[in-house]
C-alpha atoms as a PDB file:
ATOM      1  CA  UNK A   1     -74.646 -33.134  25.790  1.00  0.00           C
ATOM      2  CA  UNK A   2     -74.972 -29.088  25.325  1.00  0.00           C
ATOM      3  CA  UNK A   3     -71.690 -28.863  27.293  1.00  0.00           C
ATOM      4  CA  UNK A   4     -69.885 -31.227  24.606  1.00  0.00           C
ATOM      5  CA  UNK A   5     -71.004 -29.100  21.720  1.00  0.00           C
ATOM      6  CA  UNK A   6     -69.900 -26.178  23.442  1.00  0.00           C
ATOM      7  CA  UNK A   7     -66.776 -27.657  24.156  1.00  0.00           C
ATOM      8  CA  UNK A   8     -66.563 -28.904  20.808  1.00  0.00           C
ATOM      9  CA  UNK A   9     -67.252 -25.620  19.228  1.00  0.00           C
ATOM     10  CA  UNK A  10     -64.583 -23.822  21.893  1.00  0.00           C
ATOM     11  CA  UNK A  11     -61.874 -26.368  20.799  1.00  0.00           C
ATOM     12  CA  UNK A  12     -62.560 -25.585  17.000  1.00  0.00           C
ATOM     13  CA  UNK A  13     -62.872 -21.956  17.758  1.00  0.00           C
ATOM     14  CA  UNK A  14     -59.510 -22.427  19.633  1.00  0.00           C
ATOM     15  CA  UNK A  15     -58.138 -24.330  16.735  1.00  0.00           C
ATOM     16  CA  UNK A  16     -59.002 -21.643  14.417  1.00  0.00           C
ATOM     17  CA  UNK A  17     -57.266 -19.055  16.366  1.00  0.00           C
ATOM     18  CA  UNK A  18     -54.186 -20.905  16.809  1.00  0.00           C
ATOM     19  CA  UNK A  19     -54.302 -22.078  12.846  1.00  0.00           C
ATOM     20  CA  UNK A  20     -54.683 -17.989  11.952  1.00  0.00           C
ATOM     21  CA  UNK A  21     -51.848 -17.229  14.720  1.00  0.00           C
ATOM     22  CA  UNK A  22     -49.533 -19.685  12.838  1.00  0.00           C
ATOM     23  CA  UNK A  23     -50.670 -18.510   9.507  1.00  0.00           C
ATOM     24  CA  UNK A  24     -49.412 -14.921  10.517  1.00  0.00           C
ATOM     25  CA  UNK A  25     -46.184 -16.026  12.069  1.00  0.00           C
ATOM     26  CA  UNK A  26     -45.584 -17.861   9.000  1.00  0.00           C
ATOM     27  CA  UNK A  27     -46.194 -15.063   6.840  1.00  0.00           C
ATOM     28  CA  UNK A  28     -44.058 -12.444   9.335  1.00  0.00           C
ATOM     29  CA  UNK A  29     -41.453 -15.184   9.300  1.00  0.00           C
ATOM     30  CA  UNK A  30     -41.256 -15.201   5.435  1.00  0.00           C
ATOM     31  CA  UNK A  31     -41.739 -11.429   5.096  1.00  0.00           C
ATOM     32  CA  UNK A  32     -38.540 -10.967   7.501  1.00  0.00           C
ATOM     33  CA  UNK A  33     -36.720 -13.817   5.627  1.00  0.00           C
ATOM     34  CA  UNK A  34     -37.166 -12.040   2.528  1.00  0.00           C
ATOM     35  CA  UNK A  35     -36.003  -8.653   3.808  1.00  0.00           C
ATOM     36  CA  UNK A  36     -33.041 -10.093   5.443  1.00  0.00           C
ATOM     37  CA  UNK A  37     -31.993 -11.655   2.231  1.00  0.00           C
ATOM     38  CA  UNK A  38     -32.215  -8.536   0.640  1.00  0.00           C
ATOM     39  CA  UNK A  39     -30.393  -6.956   3.556  1.00  0.00           C
ATOM     40  CA  UNK A  40     -27.849  -9.470   3.149  1.00  0.00           C
ATOM     41  CA  UNK A  41     -27.595  -8.869  -0.675  1.00  0.00           C
ATOM     42  CA  UNK A  42     -26.892  -5.232  -0.269  1.00  0.00           C
ATOM     43  CA  UNK A  43     -24.081  -5.628   2.584  1.00  0.00           C
ATOM     44  CA  UNK A  44     -22.270  -8.140   0.365  1.00  0.00           C
ATOM     45  CA  UNK A  45     -22.573  -5.736  -2.539  1.00  0.00           C
ATOM     46  CA  UNK A  46     -20.859  -3.078  -0.123  1.00  0.00           C
ATOM     47  CA  UNK A  47     -18.331  -5.409   1.140  1.00  0.00           C
ATOM     48  CA  UNK A  48     -17.227  -6.427  -2.315  1.00  0.00           C
ATOM     49  CA  UNK A  49     -16.810  -2.638  -2.827  1.00  0.00           C
ATOM     50  CA  UNK A  50     -14.721  -1.761  -0.176  1.00  0.00           C
ATOM     51  CA  UNK A  51     -12.964  -4.789  -1.015  1.00  0.00           C
ATOM     52  CA  UNK A  52     -12.002  -3.871  -4.560  1.00  0.00           C
ATOM     53  CA  UNK A  53     -10.983  -0.130  -3.193  1.00  0.00           C
ATOM     54  CA  UNK A  54      -8.687  -1.817  -0.571  1.00  0.00           C
ATOM     55  CA  UNK A  55      -7.174  -3.943  -3.573  1.00  0.00           C
ATOM     56  CA  UNK A  56      -6.862  -0.639  -5.400  1.00  0.00           C
ATOM     57  CA  UNK A  57      -5.344   1.081  -2.892  1.00  0.00           C
ATOM     58  CA  UNK A  58      -2.849  -1.821  -2.381  1.00  0.00           C
ATOM     59  CA  UNK A  59      -1.813  -1.803  -5.873  1.00  0.00           C
ATOM     60  CA  UNK A  60      -1.259   1.879  -5.971  1.00  0.00           C
ATOM     61  CA  UNK A  61       1.227   1.513  -3.146  1.00  0.00           C
ATOM     62  CA  UNK A  62       2.897  -1.322  -4.636  1.00  0.00           C
ATOM     63  CA  UNK A  63       3.189   1.170  -7.933  1.00  0.00           C
ATOM     64  CA  UNK A  64       4.710   3.624  -5.859  1.00  0.00           C
ATOM     65  CA  UNK A  65       7.203   1.807  -4.069  1.00  0.00           C
ATOM     66  CA  UNK A  66       8.546  -0.175  -7.330  1.00  0.00           C
ATOM     67  CA  UNK A  67       8.880   3.660  -8.589  1.00  0.00           C
ATOM     68  CA  UNK A  68      10.807   4.596  -5.561  1.00  0.00           C
ATOM     69  CA  UNK A  69      12.678   1.562  -5.679  1.00  0.00           C
ATOM     70  CA  UNK A  70      13.631   2.110  -9.285  1.00  0.00           C
ATOM     71  CA  UNK A  71      14.344   5.962  -8.793  1.00  0.00           C
ATOM     72  CA  UNK A  72      16.831   4.943  -5.708  1.00  0.00           C
ATOM     73  CA  UNK A  73      18.699   2.042  -8.119  1.00  0.00           C
ATOM     74  CA  UNK A  74      19.139   5.005 -10.677  1.00  0.00           C
ATOM     75  CA  UNK A  75      20.322   7.209  -8.027  1.00  0.00           C
ATOM     76  CA  UNK A  76      22.925   5.066  -6.820  1.00  0.00           C
ATOM     77  CA  UNK A  77      23.873   3.826 -10.563  1.00  0.00           C
ATOM     78  CA  UNK A  78      24.645   7.318 -11.479  1.00  0.00           C
ATOM     79  CA  UNK A  79      26.570   8.125  -8.240  1.00  0.00           C
ATOM     80  CA  UNK A  80      29.048   4.938  -9.018  1.00  0.00           C
ATOM     81  CA  UNK A  81      29.344   5.910 -12.869  1.00  0.00           C
ATOM     82  CA  UNK A  82      30.268   9.324 -11.709  1.00  0.00           C
ATOM     83  CA  UNK A  83      32.580   8.027  -8.974  1.00  0.00           C
ATOM     84  CA  UNK A  84      34.241   5.371 -11.369  1.00  0.00           C
ATOM     85  CA  UNK A  85      34.824   8.189 -13.877  1.00  0.00           C
ATOM     86  CA  UNK A  86      36.444  10.439 -11.397  1.00  0.00           C
ATOM     87  CA  UNK A  87      38.763   7.534 -10.115  1.00  0.00           C
ATOM     88  CA  UNK A  88      39.834   6.937 -13.917  1.00  0.00           C
ATOM     89  CA  UNK A  89      40.509  10.664 -14.234  1.00  0.00           C
ATOM     90  CA  UNK A  90      42.516  10.721 -11.056  1.00  0.00           C
ATOM     91  CA  UNK A  91      44.635   7.650 -12.262  1.00  0.00           C
ATOM     92  CA  UNK A  92      45.013   8.910 -15.888  1.00  0.00           C
ATOM     93  CA  UNK A  93      46.059  12.297 -14.424  1.00  0.00           C
ATOM     94  CA  UNK A  94      48.649  11.081 -12.045  1.00  0.00           C
ATOM     95  CA  UNK A  95      50.455   8.791 -14.200  1.00  0.00           C
ATOM     96  CA  UNK A  96      51.530  11.396 -16.636  1.00  0.00           C
ATOM     97  CA  UNK A  97      52.264  14.124 -14.145  1.00  0.00           C
ATOM     98  CA  UNK A  98      53.768  12.316 -11.409  1.00  0.00           C
ATOM     99  CA  UNK A  99      57.297  10.723 -12.745  1.00  0.00           C
ATOM    100  CA  UNK A 100      59.573  10.620 -10.052  1.00  0.00           C
ATOM    101  CA  UNK A 101      63.325  10.217 -12.246  1.00  0.00           C
ATOM    102  CA  UNK A 102      61.850  13.584 -13.856  1.00  0.00           C
ATOM    103  CA  UNK A 103      61.413  15.454 -10.733  1.00  0.00           C
ATOM    104  CA  UNK A 104      63.921  18.452 -10.508  1.00  0.00           C
ATOM    105  CA  UNK A 105      64.933  20.337  -7.446  1.00  0.00           C
ATOM    106  CA  UNK A 106      66.299  23.772  -7.529  1.00  0.00           C
ATOM    107  CA  UNK A 107      68.392  25.301  -5.031  1.00  0.00           C
ATOM    108  CA  UNK A 108      69.065  28.930  -4.729  1.00  0.00           C
ATOM    109  CA  UNK A 109      66.952  32.128  -3.932  1.00  0.00           C
ATOM    110  CA  UNK A 110      63.514  32.855  -5.896  1.00  0.00           C
ATOM    111  CA  UNK A 111      61.960  36.009  -6.961  1.00  0.00           C
ATOM    112  CA  UNK A 112      60.087  35.871  -3.781  1.00  0.00           C
ATOM    113  CA  UNK A 113      63.168  35.570  -1.437  1.00  0.00           C
ATOM    114  CA  UNK A 114      64.826  38.180  -3.109  1.00  0.00           C
ATOM    115  CA  UNK A 115      62.125  40.640  -2.681  1.00  0.00           C
ATOM    116  CA  UNK A 116      61.429  39.744   0.970  1.00  0.00           C
ATOM    117  CA  UNK A 117      65.233  40.480   1.886  1.00  0.00           C
ATOM    118  CA  UNK A 118      64.988  44.121   0.177  1.00  0.00           C
ATOM    119  CA  UNK A 119      62.600  44.792   2.241  1.00  0.00           C
END
């Protein structure tokens, strides 16, 4: 009988120790879980900030590209206007000065020819 009481006491102590270990592990697990939750929240905030910065950089890049395209378009438009104006001036200038039936051909000596022959 004595042996049975000791065994029961030993079992009770063992159960108490196992329960204490179980409670300690549960507390550790809970603490770790809460710590991990807060770490994940901090990391999510950082990721959100980085995503916002990336979006800002993309937006800025798009605005710069639009500005470049607009500037290039303006330069091309100016070049076309200048080119068309030059063509118009050339066409108007040629039509009044170059009339074939009014062209005169003169024969004879010129001042330069007479000076050259005296030398």
